[in-house]
Amino acid sequence: MKIRHVRALAVFGIALVALTGARGSSGGGCDNHSSSSSSGGSGHRDDDSSSSTGGGSLPGGGSSADKAARDVTIDECKYDPATKNLTARITVTNSGALDYDYDVTMKFVGATGGSVVPASATKTAIAVAAGASESAVLTTPYTGSGDGSEYTKCEVSRASRS
């Protein structure tokens, strides 16, 4: 009887994560306005869309990359005309009991079906102490000739922690 109960909880937990999505999967707007944001832009976490596990271990396991991606919140995505860069501001929250260094790659994309070539930005060695949060800014040069408005969102394409 106990094994069935544990299996049922594991299946429920995985289904819950699948339905709610990972924290890092929501994209922030890249609409050229500094106040645009997918989670308020004020550095707070939008936990309404995250799983109830709070970034800890999932029933039934989960890879380290999955856990690292869930620890990343996109605060803002925009084109910076002063530097001519696509910029993503993120917050990495380590709710675990160990300190970690995070490596995060963001992908800037256009509207579905558009002809925008995706752009990527990577930040390595973001040191986050156990139970703490750290902000980071990822940038990549804008190679277009316009105002960057063709990039409509950004998303976490890769995250790891060590």
N, C-alpha and C. Protein backbone atom coordinates (compact mmCIF):
# COMPACT_ATOMS: atom_id res chain seq x y z
N MET A 1 0.81 -1.20 0.00
CA MET A 1 0.00 0.00 0.00
C MET A 1 0.85 1.26 0.00
N LYS A 2 1.94 1.28 0.74
CA LYS A 2 2.76 2.48 0.82
C LYS A 2 3.39 2.82 -0.52
N ILE A 3 3.85 1.84 -1.26
CA ILE A 3 4.49 2.10 -2.55
C ILE A 3 3.50 2.73 -3.52
N ARG A 4 2.27 2.26 -3.53
CA ARG A 4 1.26 2.86 -4.41
C ARG A 4 1.03 4.31 -4.05
N HIS A 5 1.00 4.60 -2.75
CA HIS A 5 0.78 5.98 -2.31
C HIS A 5 1.93 6.88 -2.76
N VAL A 6 3.17 6.42 -2.62
CA VAL A 6 4.34 7.19 -3.04
C VAL A 6 4.31 7.41 -4.55
N ARG A 7 3.99 6.36 -5.30
CA ARG A 7 3.90 6.50 -6.76
C ARG A 7 2.83 7.50 -7.14
N ALA A 8 1.70 7.45 -6.49
CA ALA A 8 0.60 8.38 -6.79
C ALA A 8 1.05 9.81 -6.51
N LEU A 9 1.76 10.04 -5.42
CA LEU A 9 2.25 11.38 -5.12
C LEU A 9 3.26 11.84 -6.16
N ALA A 10 4.14 10.94 -6.59
CA ALA A 10 5.14 11.29 -7.59
C ALA A 10 4.47 11.67 -8.91
N VAL A 11 3.49 10.90 -9.34
CA VAL A 11 2.76 11.19 -10.58
C VAL A 11 2.03 12.51 -10.46
N PHE A 12 1.41 12.77 -9.31
CA PHE A 12 0.71 14.03 -9.09
C PHE A 12 1.68 15.20 -9.16
N GLY A 13 2.84 15.05 -8.53
CA GLY A 13 3.83 16.12 -8.53
C GLY A 13 4.33 16.44 -9.92
N ILE A 14 4.60 15.41 -10.71
CA ILE A 14 5.07 15.61 -12.08
C ILE A 14 3.97 16.26 -12.92
N ALA A 15 2.75 15.83 -12.75
CA ALA A 15 1.63 16.42 -13.48
C ALA A 15 1.46 17.89 -13.10
N LEU A 16 1.63 18.20 -11.83
CA LEU A 16 1.50 19.58 -11.38
C LEU A 16 2.56 20.46 -12.03
N VAL A 17 3.79 19.99 -12.08
CA VAL A 17 4.86 20.75 -12.70
C VAL A 17 4.58 20.91 -14.20
N ALA A 18 4.12 19.88 -14.85
CA ALA A 18 3.83 19.94 -16.28
C ALA A 18 2.73 20.96 -16.57
N LEU A 19 1.74 21.03 -15.70
CA LEU A 19 0.63 21.96 -15.92
C LEU A 19 1.01 23.39 -15.60
N THR A 20 1.79 23.60 -14.56
CA THR A 20 2.12 24.97 -14.16
C THR A 20 3.34 25.50 -14.88
N GLY A 21 4.22 24.64 -15.36
CA GLY A 21 5.41 25.07 -16.06
C GLY A 21 6.52 25.44 -15.11
N ALA A 22 7.71 25.50 -15.65
CA ALA A 22 8.87 25.89 -14.86
C ALA A 22 8.94 27.41 -14.79
N ARG A 23 9.49 27.94 -13.69
CA ARG A 23 9.60 29.38 -13.52
C ARG A 23 10.35 30.03 -14.66
N GLY A 24 11.40 29.42 -15.11
CA GLY A 24 12.23 30.04 -16.13
C GLY A 24 11.64 29.99 -17.52
N SER A 25 10.50 29.37 -17.74
CA SER A 25 9.98 29.19 -19.08
C SER A 25 9.15 30.37 -19.54
N SER A 26 8.73 31.24 -18.66
CA SER A 26 7.94 32.38 -19.10
C SER A 26 8.87 33.43 -19.65
N GLY A 27 8.52 34.02 -20.77
CA GLY A 27 9.39 35.00 -21.40
C GLY A 27 8.99 36.40 -21.04
N GLY A 28 9.96 37.27 -20.89
CA GLY A 28 9.68 38.68 -20.67
C GLY A 28 9.58 39.35 -22.02
N GLY A 29 8.88 40.44 -22.08
CA GLY A 29 8.75 41.18 -23.32
C GLY A 29 10.06 41.83 -23.70
N CYS A 30 10.23 42.06 -24.97
CA CYS A 30 11.41 42.76 -25.46
C CYS A 30 10.88 43.88 -26.33
N ASP A 31 10.02 44.70 -25.75
CA ASP A 31 9.28 45.67 -26.55
C ASP A 31 9.85 47.07 -26.49
N ASN A 32 11.11 47.23 -26.09
CA ASN A 32 11.79 48.51 -26.12
C ASN A 32 11.31 49.47 -25.04
N HIS A 33 10.57 49.00 -24.06
CA HIS A 33 10.16 49.84 -22.94
C HIS A 33 10.82 49.31 -21.68
N SER A 34 11.47 50.18 -20.95
CA SER A 34 12.21 49.72 -19.78
C SER A 34 11.31 49.20 -18.68
N SER A 35 10.03 49.51 -18.73
CA SER A 35 9.15 49.02 -17.67
C SER A 35 8.49 47.70 -18.03
N SER A 36 8.75 47.19 -19.25
CA SER A 36 8.14 45.92 -19.62
C SER A 36 8.75 44.80 -18.82
N SER A 37 7.93 43.83 -18.45
CA SER A 37 8.42 42.76 -17.59
C SER A 37 7.41 41.65 -17.55
N SER A 38 7.92 40.44 -17.32
CA SER A 38 7.01 39.32 -17.18
C SER A 38 6.68 39.06 -15.72
N SER A 39 7.41 39.70 -14.82
CA SER A 39 7.14 39.43 -13.41
C SER A 39 7.22 40.70 -12.58
N GLY A 40 6.77 41.80 -13.12
CA GLY A 40 6.67 43.02 -12.34
C GLY A 40 7.86 43.95 -12.50
N GLY A 41 9.02 43.48 -12.86
CA GLY A 41 10.16 44.34 -13.07
C GLY A 41 10.77 44.90 -11.80
N SER A 42 10.19 44.61 -10.65
CA SER A 42 10.70 45.18 -9.42
C SER A 42 11.58 44.21 -8.67
N GLY A 43 11.91 43.09 -9.29
CA GLY A 43 12.80 42.13 -8.67
C GLY A 43 12.07 41.12 -7.81
N HIS A 44 10.75 41.21 -7.69
CA HIS A 44 10.06 40.21 -6.89
C HIS A 44 9.72 39.01 -7.75
N ARG A 45 9.52 37.91 -7.11
CA ARG A 45 9.20 36.68 -7.82
C ARG A 45 7.71 36.58 -8.04
N ASP A 46 7.32 36.11 -9.20
CA ASP A 46 5.92 35.87 -9.50
C ASP A 46 5.65 34.39 -9.28
N ASP A 47 5.42 34.03 -8.04
CA ASP A 47 5.29 32.62 -7.70
C ASP A 47 3.92 32.04 -8.01
N ASP A 48 3.01 32.87 -8.52
CA ASP A 48 1.69 32.34 -8.85
C ASP A 48 1.77 31.29 -9.96
N SER A 49 2.78 31.42 -10.83
CA SER A 49 2.86 30.48 -11.95
C SER A 49 3.90 29.39 -11.72
N SER A 50 4.50 29.38 -10.55
CA SER A 50 5.52 28.36 -10.32
C SER A 50 4.93 27.15 -9.62
N SER A 51 5.70 26.09 -9.64
CA SER A 51 5.21 24.87 -9.01
C SER A 51 5.24 25.02 -7.50
N SER A 52 4.49 24.22 -6.81
CA SER A 52 4.38 24.34 -5.36
C SER A 52 5.61 23.80 -4.65
N THR A 53 6.56 23.29 -5.39
CA THR A 53 7.76 22.75 -4.76
C THR A 53 8.75 23.84 -4.39
N GLY A 54 8.54 25.07 -4.86
CA GLY A 54 9.39 26.18 -4.49
C GLY A 54 10.83 26.03 -4.96
N GLY A 55 11.06 25.30 -6.01
CA GLY A 55 12.40 25.17 -6.56
C GLY A 55 13.21 24.06 -5.92
N GLY A 56 12.65 23.38 -4.96
CA GLY A 56 13.37 22.28 -4.32
C GLY A 56 13.28 21.05 -5.17
N SER A 57 13.54 19.91 -4.58
CA SER A 57 13.51 18.68 -5.36
C SER A 57 12.08 18.26 -5.65
N LEU A 58 11.89 17.68 -6.79
CA LEU A 58 10.58 17.23 -7.23
C LEU A 58 10.36 15.78 -6.85
N PRO A 59 9.12 15.42 -6.60
CA PRO A 59 8.86 14.00 -6.40
C PRO A 59 9.27 13.26 -7.66
N GLY A 60 9.95 12.18 -7.50
CA GLY A 60 10.37 11.41 -8.66
C GLY A 60 11.64 11.92 -9.28
N GLY A 61 12.28 12.90 -8.66
CA GLY A 61 13.58 13.37 -9.14
C GLY A 61 13.46 14.53 -10.08
N GLY A 62 14.35 14.63 -10.99
CA GLY A 62 14.46 15.73 -11.92
C GLY A 62 15.92 16.05 -12.10
N SER A 63 16.30 16.49 -13.27
CA SER A 63 17.71 16.74 -13.52
C SER A 63 18.16 18.03 -12.87
N SER A 64 19.45 18.18 -12.71
CA SER A 64 20.02 19.39 -12.13
C SER A 64 19.72 20.60 -13.01
N ALA A 65 19.72 20.42 -14.33
CA ALA A 65 19.41 21.51 -15.24
C ALA A 65 17.98 21.98 -15.07
N ASP A 66 17.04 21.04 -14.87
CA ASP A 66 15.64 21.41 -14.63
C ASP A 66 15.53 22.25 -13.37
N LYS A 67 16.22 21.84 -12.32
CA LYS A 67 16.18 22.58 -11.06
C LYS A 67 16.81 23.96 -11.23
N ALA A 68 17.90 24.05 -11.95
CA ALA A 68 18.56 25.33 -12.17
C ALA A 68 17.66 26.27 -12.95
N ALA A 69 16.99 25.78 -13.98
CA ALA A 69 16.10 26.62 -14.77
C ALA A 69 14.94 27.14 -13.94
N ARG A 70 14.44 26.33 -13.02
CA ARG A 70 13.34 26.77 -12.15
C ARG A 70 13.80 27.84 -11.17
N ASP A 71 15.08 27.94 -10.91
CA ASP A 71 15.61 28.93 -10.00
C ASP A 71 15.76 30.31 -10.65
N VAL A 72 15.55 30.40 -11.97
CA VAL A 72 15.75 31.64 -12.71
C VAL A 72 14.40 32.31 -12.97
N THR A 73 14.32 33.60 -12.63
CA THR A 73 13.14 34.41 -12.94
C THR A 73 13.57 35.53 -13.87
N ILE A 74 12.85 35.72 -14.96
CA ILE A 74 13.13 36.80 -15.90
C ILE A 74 12.42 38.04 -15.39
N ASP A 75 13.19 39.07 -15.08
CA ASP A 75 12.62 40.31 -14.58
C ASP A 75 12.32 41.29 -15.71
N GLU A 76 13.17 41.30 -16.74
CA GLU A 76 13.00 42.28 -17.81
C GLU A 76 13.79 41.87 -19.03
N CYS A 77 13.21 42.12 -20.20
CA CYS A 77 13.89 41.94 -21.47
C CYS A 77 13.66 43.20 -22.29
N LYS A 78 14.74 43.71 -22.86
CA LYS A 78 14.57 44.93 -23.66
C LYS A 78 15.74 45.14 -24.59
N TYR A 79 15.56 46.04 -25.52
CA TYR A 79 16.63 46.54 -26.37
C TYR A 79 17.12 47.83 -25.72
N ASP A 80 18.42 47.95 -25.54
CA ASP A 80 19.01 49.14 -24.95
C ASP A 80 19.62 49.98 -26.08
N PRO A 81 18.97 51.09 -26.44
CA PRO A 81 19.48 51.88 -27.56
C PRO A 81 20.84 52.54 -27.26
N ALA A 82 21.15 52.78 -26.01
CA ALA A 82 22.44 53.41 -25.66
C ALA A 82 23.61 52.48 -25.97
N THR A 83 23.45 51.20 -25.70
CA THR A 83 24.53 50.25 -25.94
C THR A 83 24.32 49.40 -27.19
N LYS A 84 23.15 49.52 -27.79
CA LYS A 84 22.75 48.71 -28.95
C LYS A 84 22.85 47.22 -28.65
N ASN A 85 22.39 46.85 -27.44
CA ASN A 85 22.38 45.46 -26.99
C ASN A 85 20.96 45.02 -26.67
N LEU A 86 20.71 43.72 -26.85
CA LEU A 86 19.52 43.09 -26.30
C LEU A 86 19.90 42.72 -24.87
N THR A 87 19.05 43.04 -23.91
CA THR A 87 19.40 42.89 -22.50
C THR A 87 18.30 42.12 -21.77
N ALA A 88 18.72 41.19 -20.94
CA ALA A 88 17.79 40.46 -20.07
C ALA A 88 18.27 40.62 -18.63
N ARG A 89 17.38 41.05 -17.75
CA ARG A 89 17.69 41.13 -16.33
C ARG A 89 16.97 39.95 -15.66
N ILE A 90 17.75 39.16 -14.92
CA ILE A 90 17.20 37.97 -14.27
C ILE A 90 17.50 38.00 -12.78
N THR A 91 16.74 37.21 -12.04
CA THR A 91 17.03 36.95 -10.63
C THR A 91 17.15 35.45 -10.47
N VAL A 92 18.23 35.02 -9.83
CA VAL A 92 18.45 33.61 -9.56
C VAL A 92 18.27 33.40 -8.07
N THR A 93 17.34 32.54 -7.70
CA THR A 93 17.04 32.26 -6.30
C THR A 93 17.43 30.83 -5.97
N ASN A 94 18.29 30.70 -4.99
CA ASN A 94 18.76 29.39 -4.55
C ASN A 94 18.06 29.06 -3.24
N SER A 95 17.03 28.25 -3.31
CA SER A 95 16.29 27.88 -2.10
C SER A 95 16.85 26.61 -1.46
N GLY A 96 17.97 26.15 -1.99
CA GLY A 96 18.59 24.93 -1.47
C GLY A 96 19.45 25.19 -0.24
N ALA A 97 20.06 24.13 0.25
CA ALA A 97 20.89 24.20 1.45
C ALA A 97 22.37 24.37 1.12
N LEU A 98 22.74 24.35 -0.16
CA LEU A 98 24.14 24.49 -0.58
C LEU A 98 24.31 25.72 -1.45
N ASP A 99 25.49 26.34 -1.44
CA ASP A 99 25.82 27.44 -2.34
C ASP A 99 26.04 26.87 -3.73
N TYR A 100 25.63 27.62 -4.76
CA TYR A 100 25.82 27.18 -6.14
C TYR A 100 26.32 28.32 -7.01
N ASP A 101 27.03 27.97 -8.07
CA ASP A 101 27.35 28.89 -9.16
C ASP A 101 26.45 28.49 -10.32
N TYR A 102 25.75 29.47 -10.88
CA TYR A 102 24.81 29.22 -11.97
C TYR A 102 25.38 29.73 -13.28
N ASP A 103 25.13 28.99 -14.35
CA ASP A 103 25.41 29.41 -15.72
C ASP A 103 24.06 29.47 -16.42
N VAL A 104 23.74 30.63 -17.03
CA VAL A 104 22.42 30.82 -17.64
C VAL A 104 22.60 31.34 -19.06
N THR A 105 21.85 30.76 -20.00
CA THR A 105 21.80 31.25 -21.37
C THR A 105 20.37 31.65 -21.68
N MET A 106 20.22 32.88 -22.16
CA MET A 106 18.91 33.40 -22.55
C MET A 106 18.83 33.42 -24.06
N LYS A 107 17.62 33.22 -24.57
CA LYS A 107 17.40 33.31 -26.01
C LYS A 107 16.37 34.40 -26.26
N PHE A 108 16.71 35.34 -27.13
CA PHE A 108 15.81 36.42 -27.54
C PHE A 108 15.16 35.99 -28.84
N VAL A 109 13.84 36.02 -28.89
CA VAL A 109 13.12 35.54 -30.07
C VAL A 109 12.06 36.54 -30.50
N GLY A 110 11.60 36.35 -31.73
CA GLY A 110 10.53 37.18 -32.27
C GLY A 110 9.20 36.47 -32.18
N ALA A 111 8.21 37.07 -32.78
CA ALA A 111 6.87 36.50 -32.80
C ALA A 111 6.88 35.16 -33.52
N THR A 112 5.99 34.27 -33.12
CA THR A 112 5.88 32.96 -33.75
C THR A 112 5.59 33.13 -35.23
N GLY A 113 6.35 32.44 -36.06
CA GLY A 113 6.15 32.52 -37.50
C GLY A 113 6.91 33.67 -38.14
N GLY A 114 7.56 34.49 -37.35
CA GLY A 114 8.32 35.61 -37.89
C GLY A 114 9.66 35.15 -38.43
N SER A 115 10.39 36.08 -39.03
CA SER A 115 11.67 35.73 -39.64
C SER A 115 12.86 36.21 -38.82
N VAL A 116 12.65 36.51 -37.56
CA VAL A 116 13.73 36.99 -36.70
C VAL A 116 14.69 35.85 -36.37
N VAL A 117 15.98 36.12 -36.53
CA VAL A 117 17.00 35.14 -36.16
C VAL A 117 17.19 35.25 -34.64
N PRO A 118 16.98 34.15 -33.91
CA PRO A 118 17.13 34.21 -32.45
C PRO A 118 18.55 34.64 -32.07
N ALA A 119 18.64 35.38 -30.97
CA ALA A 119 19.93 35.81 -30.44
C ALA A 119 20.09 35.22 -29.05
N SER A 120 21.33 34.96 -28.64
CA SER A 120 21.58 34.36 -27.33
C SER A 120 22.56 35.20 -26.52
N ALA A 121 22.39 35.13 -25.20
CA ALA A 121 23.30 35.78 -24.25
C ALA A 121 23.56 34.80 -23.12
N THR A 122 24.81 34.71 -22.68
CA THR A 122 25.17 33.78 -21.61
C THR A 122 25.90 34.52 -20.50
N LYS A 123 25.59 34.13 -19.28
CA LYS A 123 26.29 34.64 -18.10
C LYS A 123 26.71 33.43 -17.30
N THR A 124 27.99 33.36 -16.92
CA THR A 124 28.49 32.22 -16.18
C THR A 124 28.91 32.65 -14.78
N ALA A 125 29.00 31.66 -13.92
CA ALA A 125 29.49 31.83 -12.54
C ALA A 125 28.73 32.88 -11.75
N ILE A 126 27.39 32.81 -11.81
CA ILE A 126 26.56 33.68 -10.97
C ILE A 126 26.50 33.00 -9.61
N ALA A 127 27.25 33.51 -8.65
CA ALA A 127 27.36 32.88 -7.33
C ALA A 127 26.14 33.23 -6.48
N VAL A 128 25.43 32.20 -6.02
CA VAL A 128 24.24 32.40 -5.20
C VAL A 128 24.36 31.54 -3.95
N ALA A 129 24.38 32.19 -2.81
CA ALA A 129 24.48 31.48 -1.54
C ALA A 129 23.18 30.74 -1.25
N ALA A 130 23.26 29.72 -0.42
CA ALA A 130 22.07 28.95 -0.02
C ALA A 130 21.05 29.90 0.60
N GLY A 131 19.80 29.80 0.14
CA GLY A 131 18.71 30.62 0.67
C GLY A 131 18.72 32.07 0.23
N ALA A 132 19.54 32.42 -0.75
CA ALA A 132 19.66 33.81 -1.19
C ALA A 132 19.27 33.96 -2.66
N SER A 133 19.22 35.21 -3.11
CA SER A 133 18.94 35.54 -4.50
C SER A 133 20.00 36.51 -5.00
N GLU A 134 20.30 36.41 -6.28
CA GLU A 134 21.24 37.33 -6.93
C GLU A 134 20.65 37.76 -8.26
N SER A 135 20.84 39.03 -8.60
CA SER A 135 20.42 39.55 -9.90
C SER A 135 21.59 39.52 -10.86
N ALA A 136 21.29 39.38 -12.13
CA ALA A 136 22.32 39.39 -13.17
C ALA A 136 21.74 40.00 -14.43
N VAL A 137 22.60 40.57 -15.24
CA VAL A 137 22.20 41.14 -16.52
C VAL A 137 22.96 40.40 -17.61
N LEU A 138 22.23 39.90 -18.60
CA LEU A 138 22.80 39.21 -19.74
C LEU A 138 22.60 40.08 -20.96
N THR A 139 23.64 40.28 -21.76
CA THR A 139 23.52 41.12 -22.94
C THR A 139 24.14 40.42 -24.14
N THR A 140 23.63 40.80 -25.30
CA THR A 140 24.19 40.34 -26.56
C THR A 140 24.02 41.48 -27.57
N PRO A 141 24.96 41.69 -28.45
CA PRO A 141 24.84 42.78 -29.42
C PRO A 141 23.62 42.61 -30.32
N TYR A 142 22.95 43.73 -30.58
CA TYR A 142 21.84 43.75 -31.53
C TYR A 142 22.43 43.92 -32.92
N THR A 143 22.16 42.97 -33.80
CA THR A 143 22.76 43.00 -35.13
C THR A 143 21.82 43.55 -36.19
N GLY A 144 20.62 43.92 -35.81
CA GLY A 144 19.67 44.46 -36.77
C GLY A 144 19.92 45.93 -37.06
N SER A 145 19.10 46.48 -37.92
CA SER A 145 19.24 47.90 -38.28
C SER A 145 18.10 48.74 -37.74
N GLY A 146 17.16 48.12 -37.04
CA GLY A 146 16.01 48.85 -36.53
C GLY A 146 16.16 49.22 -35.07
N ASP A 147 15.02 49.17 -34.36
CA ASP A 147 15.00 49.57 -32.95
C ASP A 147 14.86 48.38 -32.01
N GLY A 148 15.05 47.16 -32.52
CA GLY A 148 14.98 45.97 -31.68
C GLY A 148 13.58 45.47 -31.41
N SER A 149 12.58 46.14 -31.94
CA SER A 149 11.19 45.78 -31.64
C SER A 149 10.78 44.43 -32.25
N GLU A 150 11.58 43.91 -33.18
CA GLU A 150 11.24 42.60 -33.75
C GLU A 150 11.45 41.47 -32.74
N TYR A 151 12.24 41.72 -31.69
CA TYR A 151 12.42 40.73 -30.62
C TYR A 151 11.31 40.96 -29.60
N THR A 152 10.42 39.99 -29.49
CA THR A 152 9.22 40.18 -28.67
C THR A 152 9.31 39.54 -27.29
N LYS A 153 10.24 38.60 -27.07
CA LYS A 153 10.38 37.99 -25.75
C LYS A 153 11.74 37.33 -25.61
N CYS A 154 12.05 36.98 -24.37
CA CYS A 154 13.24 36.19 -24.13
C CYS A 154 12.86 35.04 -23.22
N GLU A 155 13.68 34.00 -23.26
CA GLU A 155 13.40 32.80 -22.47
C GLU A 155 14.70 32.14 -22.06
N VAL A 156 14.65 31.41 -20.99
CA VAL A 156 15.82 30.66 -20.55
C VAL A 156 15.97 29.47 -21.49
N SER A 157 17.09 29.41 -22.21
CA SER A 157 17.29 28.27 -23.11
C SER A 157 18.17 27.21 -22.45
N ARG A 158 19.00 27.61 -21.49
CA ARG A 158 19.86 26.65 -20.79
C ARG A 158 20.21 27.22 -19.43
N ALA A 159 20.22 26.38 -18.43
CA ALA A 159 20.66 26.78 -17.09
C ALA A 159 21.28 25.57 -16.41
N SER A 160 22.34 25.84 -15.67
CA SER A 160 22.98 24.77 -14.89
C SER A 160 23.54 25.38 -13.61
N ARG A 161 23.78 24.50 -12.65
CA ARG A 161 24.37 24.96 -11.40
C ARG A 161 25.40 23.94 -10.94
N SER A 162 26.43 24.43 -10.30
CA SER A 162 27.48 23.53 -9.83
C SER A 162 28.05 24.03 -8.51
